[in-house]
């Protein structure tokens, strides 16, 4: 997963978007510069949406399946073409399945025990969830005993505070509903969404380049 996150520091989390809106919505984010998406399977039609978006989106789009809680769900999303899997928790069966089948997985962690279990199965790029409920530098506390780990902040991340997570050592962020203006989404203002997200993403990438140089 680290190679994906290094190239795509922002994962756009897609949840509860209607079948009629999901393609124009994802395309509006694609035109803004985003290439990495998570479609959460916590709602009814998401697995079919993953299949449809893999067919409809440009070929350089990466589409992961989120909220994968068990092996059965992992098998289903991989069968429809998911590029990677995200989980909100540390499920040993999912970890073992992904390890054995060489599946890219971003497992959710919050405690040192979670991190230790993930490392036991060979996973070191981890999703810190819910990041917004924890101190901003919490990842550094985990990196102390687990220096080989990297963290993607998910939960409570917004375009306004995203850069703060990177400044505190996170390698990536996942942003859900906070990524776009709710009114623009409701009114299907796709061009406005593209404009706003592009402005955020270009500014963020510029700041990240400056941090690397310094």
C-alpha atoms as a PDB file:
ATOM      1  CA  UNK A   1       0.000   0.000   0.000  1.00  0.00           C
ATOM      2  CA  UNK A   2       2.854   2.383   0.662  1.00  0.00           C
ATOM      3  CA  UNK A   3       3.534   2.771  -3.063  1.00  0.00           C
ATOM      4  CA  UNK A   4      -0.090   3.762  -3.655  1.00  0.00           C
ATOM      5  CA  UNK A   5      -0.125   6.247  -0.771  1.00  0.00           C
ATOM      6  CA  UNK A   6       3.187   7.797  -1.800  1.00  0.00           C
ATOM      7  CA  UNK A   7       1.721   8.597  -5.219  1.00  0.00           C
ATOM      8  CA  UNK A   8      -1.774   9.418  -3.900  1.00  0.00           C
ATOM      9  CA  UNK A   9      -1.548  11.149  -0.520  1.00  0.00           C
ATOM     10  CA  UNK A  10      -5.309  11.809  -0.473  1.00  0.00           C
ATOM     11  CA  UNK A  11      -7.878   9.015  -0.678  1.00  0.00           C
ATOM     12  CA  UNK A  12     -11.382  10.232  -1.509  1.00  0.00           C
ATOM     13  CA  UNK A  13     -13.874   8.205   0.519  1.00  0.00           C
ATOM     14  CA  UNK A  14     -17.141   7.553  -1.330  1.00  0.00           C
ATOM     15  CA  UNK A  15     -20.066   6.586   0.866  1.00  0.00           C
ATOM     16  CA  UNK A  16     -23.821   6.589   0.270  1.00  0.00           C
ATOM     17  CA  UNK A  17     -23.663   8.186  -3.176  1.00  0.00           C
ATOM     18  CA  UNK A  18     -26.530   7.214  -5.462  1.00  0.00           C
ATOM     19  CA  UNK A  19     -26.009   5.131  -8.592  1.00  0.00           C
ATOM     20  CA  UNK A  20     -26.974   8.092 -10.761  1.00  0.00           C
ATOM     21  CA  UNK A  21     -24.522  10.462  -9.056  1.00  0.00           C
ATOM     22  CA  UNK A  22     -21.494   8.298  -8.375  1.00  0.00           C
ATOM     23  CA  UNK A  23     -19.888   8.531 -11.820  1.00  0.00           C
ATOM     24  CA  UNK A  24     -20.215  12.324 -12.265  1.00  0.00           C
ATOM     25  CA  UNK A  25     -19.144  12.787  -8.644  1.00  0.00           C
ATOM     26  CA  UNK A  26     -16.052  10.632  -8.989  1.00  0.00           C
ATOM     27  CA  UNK A  27     -15.233  12.222 -12.330  1.00  0.00           C
ATOM     28  CA  UNK A  28     -15.468  15.676 -10.761  1.00  0.00           C
ATOM     29  CA  UNK A  29     -12.876  14.560  -8.196  1.00  0.00           C
ATOM     30  CA  UNK A  30     -10.777  12.927 -10.913  1.00  0.00           C
ATOM     31  CA  UNK A  31     -10.718  16.192 -12.883  1.00  0.00           C
ATOM     32  CA  UNK A  32      -9.582  17.894  -9.667  1.00  0.00           C
ATOM     33  CA  UNK A  33      -6.501  15.665  -9.653  1.00  0.00           C
ATOM     34  CA  UNK A  34      -7.507  12.806  -7.362  1.00  0.00           C
ATOM     35  CA  UNK A  35      -6.778   9.287  -8.587  1.00  0.00           C
ATOM     36  CA  UNK A  36      -7.344   7.145  -5.511  1.00  0.00           C
ATOM     37  CA  UNK A  37     -10.819   6.348  -4.210  1.00  0.00           C
ATOM     38  CA  UNK A  38     -12.397   4.226  -1.512  1.00  0.00           C
ATOM     39  CA  UNK A  39     -15.956   3.058  -2.031  1.00  0.00           C
ATOM     40  CA  UNK A  40     -17.293   2.015   1.355  1.00  0.00           C
ATOM     41  CA  UNK A  41     -19.346  -1.189   1.239  1.00  0.00           C
ATOM     42  CA  UNK A  42     -21.300  -0.212   4.335  1.00  0.00           C
ATOM     43  CA  UNK A  43     -24.334   0.543   2.154  1.00  0.00           C
ATOM     44  CA  UNK A  44     -26.349  -1.795  -0.035  1.00  0.00           C
ATOM     45  CA  UNK A  45     -25.220  -1.314  -3.622  1.00  0.00           C
ATOM     46  CA  UNK A  46     -21.554  -0.489  -3.100  1.00  0.00           C
ATOM     47  CA  UNK A  47     -20.080  -3.719  -4.447  1.00  0.00           C
ATOM     48  CA  UNK A  48     -21.913  -3.248  -7.737  1.00  0.00           C
ATOM     49  CA  UNK A  49     -20.766   0.363  -7.751  1.00  0.00           C
ATOM     50  CA  UNK A  50     -17.142  -0.766  -7.437  1.00  0.00           C
ATOM     51  CA  UNK A  51     -17.627  -3.016 -10.462  1.00  0.00           C
ATOM     52  CA  UNK A  52     -19.319  -0.263 -12.468  1.00  0.00           C
ATOM     53  CA  UNK A  53     -16.749   2.399 -11.594  1.00  0.00           C
ATOM     54  CA  UNK A  54     -13.858   0.084 -12.487  1.00  0.00           C
ATOM     55  CA  UNK A  55     -15.415  -0.121 -15.950  1.00  0.00           C
ATOM     56  CA  UNK A  56     -16.365   3.554 -16.285  1.00  0.00           C
ATOM     57  CA  UNK A  57     -13.496   5.527 -14.736  1.00  0.00           C
ATOM     58  CA  UNK A  58     -10.222   6.278 -16.557  1.00  0.00           C
ATOM     59  CA  UNK A  59      -7.697   3.456 -16.426  1.00  0.00           C
ATOM     60  CA  UNK A  60      -5.316   5.256 -14.078  1.00  0.00           C
ATOM     61  CA  UNK A  61      -7.989   5.402 -11.369  1.00  0.00           C
ATOM     62  CA  UNK A  62      -7.428   3.268  -8.284  1.00  0.00           C
ATOM     63  CA  UNK A  63     -10.595   2.082  -6.573  1.00  0.00           C
ATOM     64  CA  UNK A  64     -10.439   0.414  -3.191  1.00  0.00           C
ATOM     65  CA  UNK A  65     -13.200  -1.206  -1.184  1.00  0.00           C
ATOM     66  CA  UNK A  66     -13.710   0.220   2.281  1.00  0.00           C
ATOM     67  CA  UNK A  67     -15.337  -1.087   5.456  1.00  0.00           C
ATOM     68  CA  UNK A  68     -14.316  -4.656   4.650  1.00  0.00           C
ATOM     69  CA  UNK A  69     -14.966  -6.513   7.896  1.00  0.00           C
ATOM     70  CA  UNK A  70     -14.491 -10.176   7.002  1.00  0.00           C
ATOM     71  CA  UNK A  71     -12.999 -12.546   4.455  1.00  0.00           C
ATOM     72  CA  UNK A  72     -16.312 -13.059   2.678  1.00  0.00           C
ATOM     73  CA  UNK A  73     -16.541  -9.332   1.971  1.00  0.00           C
ATOM     74  CA  UNK A  74     -12.908  -9.274   0.855  1.00  0.00           C
ATOM     75  CA  UNK A  75     -13.568 -12.057  -1.651  1.00  0.00           C
ATOM     76  CA  UNK A  76     -16.625 -10.259  -3.030  1.00  0.00           C
ATOM     77  CA  UNK A  77     -14.909  -6.918  -3.603  1.00  0.00           C
ATOM     78  CA  UNK A  78     -11.851  -8.502  -5.183  1.00  0.00           C
ATOM     79  CA  UNK A  79     -14.117 -10.462  -7.515  1.00  0.00           C
ATOM     80  CA  UNK A  80     -15.514  -7.200  -8.912  1.00  0.00           C
ATOM     81  CA  UNK A  81     -12.084  -5.670  -9.407  1.00  0.00           C
ATOM     82  CA  UNK A  82     -11.226  -3.675  -6.279  1.00  0.00           C
ATOM     83  CA  UNK A  83      -7.593  -2.541  -6.448  1.00  0.00           C
ATOM     84  CA  UNK A  84      -7.108  -2.654  -2.692  1.00  0.00           C
ATOM     85  CA  UNK A  85      -8.993  -3.156   0.558  1.00  0.00           C
ATOM     86  CA  UNK A  86      -9.474  -0.930   3.578  1.00  0.00           C
ATOM     87  CA  UNK A  87     -10.763  -2.024   6.957  1.00  0.00           C
ATOM     88  CA  UNK A  88     -11.744   0.034  10.004  1.00  0.00           C
ATOM     89  CA  UNK A  89     -10.380  -2.680  12.283  1.00  0.00           C
ATOM     90  CA  UNK A  90      -7.707  -5.319  12.754  1.00  0.00           C
ATOM     91  CA  UNK A  91      -9.303  -8.613  11.755  1.00  0.00           C
ATOM     92  CA  UNK A  92      -6.839 -11.498  11.876  1.00  0.00           C
ATOM     93  CA  UNK A  93      -8.736 -13.529   9.283  1.00  0.00           C
ATOM     94  CA  UNK A  94      -8.712 -10.625   6.811  1.00  0.00           C
ATOM     95  CA  UNK A  95      -5.031  -9.977   7.500  1.00  0.00           C
ATOM     96  CA  UNK A  96      -4.168 -13.630   6.888  1.00  0.00           C
ATOM     97  CA  UNK A  97      -6.296 -13.804   3.727  1.00  0.00           C
ATOM     98  CA  UNK A  98      -4.699 -10.677   2.260  1.00  0.00           C
ATOM     99  CA  UNK A  99      -1.210 -11.842   3.154  1.00  0.00           C
ATOM    100  CA  UNK A 100      -1.726 -15.270   1.577  1.00  0.00           C
ATOM    101  CA  UNK A 101      -3.291 -13.817  -1.565  1.00  0.00           C
ATOM    102  CA  UNK A 102      -0.943 -10.818  -1.881  1.00  0.00           C
ATOM    103  CA  UNK A 103      -3.824  -8.357  -1.620  1.00  0.00           C
ATOM    104  CA  UNK A 104      -3.085  -4.708  -0.899  1.00  0.00           C
ATOM    105  CA  UNK A 105      -4.693  -3.957   2.455  1.00  0.00           C
ATOM    106  CA  UNK A 106      -4.878  -0.834   4.597  1.00  0.00           C
ATOM    107  CA  UNK A 107      -6.009  -2.190   7.980  1.00  0.00           C
ATOM    108  CA  UNK A 108      -7.467   0.064  10.631  1.00  0.00           C
ATOM    109  CA  UNK A 109      -5.580   0.459  13.903  1.00  0.00           C
ATOM    110  CA  UNK A 110      -5.880   2.513  17.062  1.00  0.00           C
ATOM    111  CA  UNK A 111      -3.873   0.709  19.742  1.00  0.00           C
ATOM    112  CA  UNK A 112      -0.337  -0.689  20.019  1.00  0.00           C
ATOM    113  CA  UNK A 113      -1.881  -4.164  20.062  1.00  0.00           C
ATOM    114  CA  UNK A 114      -3.576  -3.478  16.716  1.00  0.00           C
ATOM    115  CA  UNK A 115      -0.262  -2.365  15.227  1.00  0.00           C
ATOM    116  CA  UNK A 116       1.555  -5.399  16.580  1.00  0.00           C
ATOM    117  CA  UNK A 117      -1.005  -7.780  15.061  1.00  0.00           C
ATOM    118  CA  UNK A 118      -0.785  -6.058  11.667  1.00  0.00           C
ATOM    119  CA  UNK A 119       2.996  -6.266  11.675  1.00  0.00           C
ATOM    120  CA  UNK A 120       2.803  -9.949  12.544  1.00  0.00           C
ATOM    121  CA  UNK A 121       1.082 -10.451   9.185  1.00  0.00           C
ATOM    122  CA  UNK A 122       3.493  -8.169   7.340  1.00  0.00           C
ATOM    123  CA  UNK A 123       1.415  -4.981   7.120  1.00  0.00           C
ATOM    124  CA  UNK A 124       3.190  -1.765   8.110  1.00  0.00           C
ATOM    125  CA  UNK A 125       1.222   0.946   6.267  1.00  0.00           C
ATOM    126  CA  UNK A 126      -1.812   1.358   8.473  1.00  0.00           C
ATOM    127  CA  UNK A 127      -5.006   3.375   8.731  1.00  0.00           C
ATOM    128  CA  UNK A 128      -5.255   5.270  12.008  1.00  0.00           C
ATOM    129  CA  UNK A 129      -8.961   5.407  12.766  1.00  0.00           C
ATOM    130  CA  UNK A 130     -10.682   7.426  14.078  1.00  0.00           C
ATOM    131  CA  UNK A 131      -7.869   9.947  13.744  1.00  0.00           C
ATOM    132  CA  UNK A 132     -10.038  12.941  14.559  1.00  0.00           C
ATOM    133  CA  UNK A 133     -10.768  11.591  18.042  1.00  0.00           C
ATOM    134  CA  UNK A 134      -7.076  11.255  18.890  1.00  0.00           C
ATOM    135  CA  UNK A 135      -4.262  13.762  19.507  1.00  0.00           C
ATOM    136  CA  UNK A 136      -2.684  14.924  16.247  1.00  0.00           C
ATOM    137  CA  UNK A 137       0.699  13.455  17.231  1.00  0.00           C
ATOM    138  CA  UNK A 138      -0.720  10.091  18.318  1.00  0.00           C
ATOM    139  CA  UNK A 139       0.980   8.395  15.366  1.00  0.00           C
ATOM    140  CA  UNK A 140       4.363   9.368  16.815  1.00  0.00           C
ATOM    141  CA  UNK A 141       3.488   7.522  20.004  1.00  0.00           C
ATOM    142  CA  UNK A 142       2.864   4.408  17.935  1.00  0.00           C
ATOM    143  CA  UNK A 143       6.004   4.887  15.849  1.00  0.00           C
ATOM    144  CA  UNK A 144       8.115   4.836  19.019  1.00  0.00           C
ATOM    145  CA  UNK A 145       7.772   1.084  19.636  1.00  0.00           C
ATOM    146  CA  UNK A 146       6.965   0.385  15.961  1.00  0.00           C
ATOM    147  CA  UNK A 147       9.474   2.498  13.972  1.00  0.00           C
ATOM    148  CA  UNK A 148       8.820   0.745  10.667  1.00  0.00           C
ATOM    149  CA  UNK A 149       5.175   1.762  10.473  1.00  0.00           C
ATOM    150  CA  UNK A 150       3.454   4.497   8.453  1.00  0.00           C
ATOM    151  CA  UNK A 151      -0.007   5.918   9.040  1.00  0.00           C
ATOM    152  CA  UNK A 152      -2.890   7.198   6.943  1.00  0.00           C
ATOM    153  CA  UNK A 153      -5.227   9.397   8.982  1.00  0.00           C
ATOM    154  CA  UNK A 154      -8.933   8.670   8.482  1.00  0.00           C
ATOM    155  CA  UNK A 155     -11.890  10.019  10.414  1.00  0.00           C
ATOM    156  CA  UNK A 156     -12.190  13.728  11.113  1.00  0.00           C
ATOM    157  CA  UNK A 157      -9.850  14.812   8.307  1.00  0.00           C
ATOM    158  CA  UNK A 158     -10.946  17.840   6.286  1.00  0.00           C
ATOM    159  CA  UNK A 159      -9.419  19.946   3.510  1.00  0.00           C
ATOM    160  CA  UNK A 160      -8.714  22.553   6.165  1.00  0.00           C
ATOM    161  CA  UNK A 161      -6.730  20.329   8.545  1.00  0.00           C
ATOM    162  CA  UNK A 162      -5.231  17.793   6.112  1.00  0.00           C
ATOM    163  CA  UNK A 163      -1.851  19.523   5.930  1.00  0.00           C
ATOM    164  CA  UNK A 164      -1.583  19.360   9.727  1.00  0.00           C
ATOM    165  CA  UNK A 165      -1.653  15.561   9.601  1.00  0.00           C
ATOM    166  CA  UNK A 166       1.190  15.495   7.090  1.00  0.00           C
ATOM    167  CA  UNK A 167       3.143  17.973   9.211  1.00  0.00           C
ATOM    168  CA  UNK A 168       2.793  15.524  12.105  1.00  0.00           C
ATOM    169  CA  UNK A 169       4.267  12.681  10.091  1.00  0.00           C
ATOM    170  CA  UNK A 170       1.303  10.946   8.474  1.00  0.00           C
ATOM    171  CA  UNK A 171       1.969   9.588   4.993  1.00  0.00           C
ATOM    172  CA  UNK A 172      -1.590  10.090   3.763  1.00  0.00           C
ATOM    173  CA  UNK A 173      -5.169  11.006   4.614  1.00  0.00           C
ATOM    174  CA  UNK A 174      -8.607   9.740   3.737  1.00  0.00           C
ATOM    175  CA  UNK A 175     -11.343  12.351   3.437  1.00  0.00           C
ATOM    176  CA  UNK A 176     -15.041  11.525   3.241  1.00  0.00           C
ATOM    177  CA  UNK A 177     -18.030  13.838   3.191  1.00  0.00           C
ATOM    178  CA  UNK A 178     -15.937  16.808   4.343  1.00  0.00           C
ATOM    179  CA  UNK A 179     -14.121  16.808   1.002  1.00  0.00           C
ATOM    180  CA  UNK A 180     -16.911  18.697  -0.785  1.00  0.00           C
ATOM    181  CA  UNK A 181     -19.579  21.236   0.016  1.00  0.00           C
ATOM    182  CA  UNK A 182     -22.784  19.364   0.868  1.00  0.00           C
ATOM    183  CA  UNK A 183     -24.914  21.907  -0.974  1.00  0.00           C
ATOM    184  CA  UNK A 184     -22.855  21.537  -4.143  1.00  0.00           C
ATOM    185  CA  UNK A 185     -23.171  17.757  -3.941  1.00  0.00           C
ATOM    186  CA  UNK A 186     -26.913  17.909  -3.376  1.00  0.00           C
ATOM    187  CA  UNK A 187     -27.343  20.318  -6.297  1.00  0.00           C
ATOM    188  CA  UNK A 188     -24.932  18.321  -8.490  1.00  0.00           C
ATOM    189  CA  UNK A 189     -22.621  21.283  -9.058  1.00  0.00           C
ATOM    190  CA  UNK A 190     -19.913  19.061 -10.486  1.00  0.00           C
ATOM    191  CA  UNK A 191     -17.824  21.875 -11.984  1.00  0.00           C
ATOM    192  CA  UNK A 192     -17.830  23.754  -8.676  1.00  0.00           C
ATOM    193  CA  UNK A 193     -16.790  20.594  -6.831  1.00  0.00           C
ATOM    194  CA  UNK A 194     -13.921  20.123  -9.290  1.00  0.00           C
ATOM    195  CA  UNK A 195     -12.811  23.723  -8.840  1.00  0.00           C
ATOM    196  CA  UNK A 196     -12.874  23.585  -5.026  1.00  0.00           C
ATOM    197  CA  UNK A 197     -11.171  20.202  -4.702  1.00  0.00           C
ATOM    198  CA  UNK A 198      -8.536  21.118  -7.304  1.00  0.00           C
ATOM    199  CA  UNK A 199      -7.705  24.258  -5.352  1.00  0.00           C
ATOM    200  CA  UNK A 200      -7.354  22.236  -2.135  1.00  0.00           C
ATOM    201  CA  UNK A 201      -5.348  19.407  -3.700  1.00  0.00           C
ATOM    202  CA  UNK A 202      -2.935  21.601  -5.634  1.00  0.00           C
ATOM    203  CA  UNK A 203      -2.273  23.693  -2.537  1.00  0.00           C
ATOM    204  CA  UNK A 204      -1.714  20.570  -0.456  1.00  0.00           C
ATOM    205  CA  UNK A 205       0.676  19.028  -2.987  1.00  0.00           C
ATOM    206  CA  UNK A 206       2.597  22.296  -3.145  1.00  0.00           C
ATOM    207  CA  UNK A 207       2.922  22.370   0.631  1.00  0.00           C
ATOM    208  CA  UNK A 208       4.081  18.753   0.714  1.00  0.00           C
ATOM    209  CA  UNK A 209       6.767  19.501  -1.884  1.00  0.00           C
ATOM    210  CA  UNK A 210       7.962  22.466   0.169  1.00  0.00           C
ATOM    211  CA  UNK A 211       8.168  20.287   3.293  1.00  0.00           C
ATOM    212  CA  UNK A 212      10.269  17.686   1.448  1.00  0.00           C
ATOM    213  CA  UNK A 213      12.639  20.354   0.175  1.00  0.00           C
ATOM    214  CA  UNK A 214      13.055  21.900   3.610  1.00  0.00           C
END
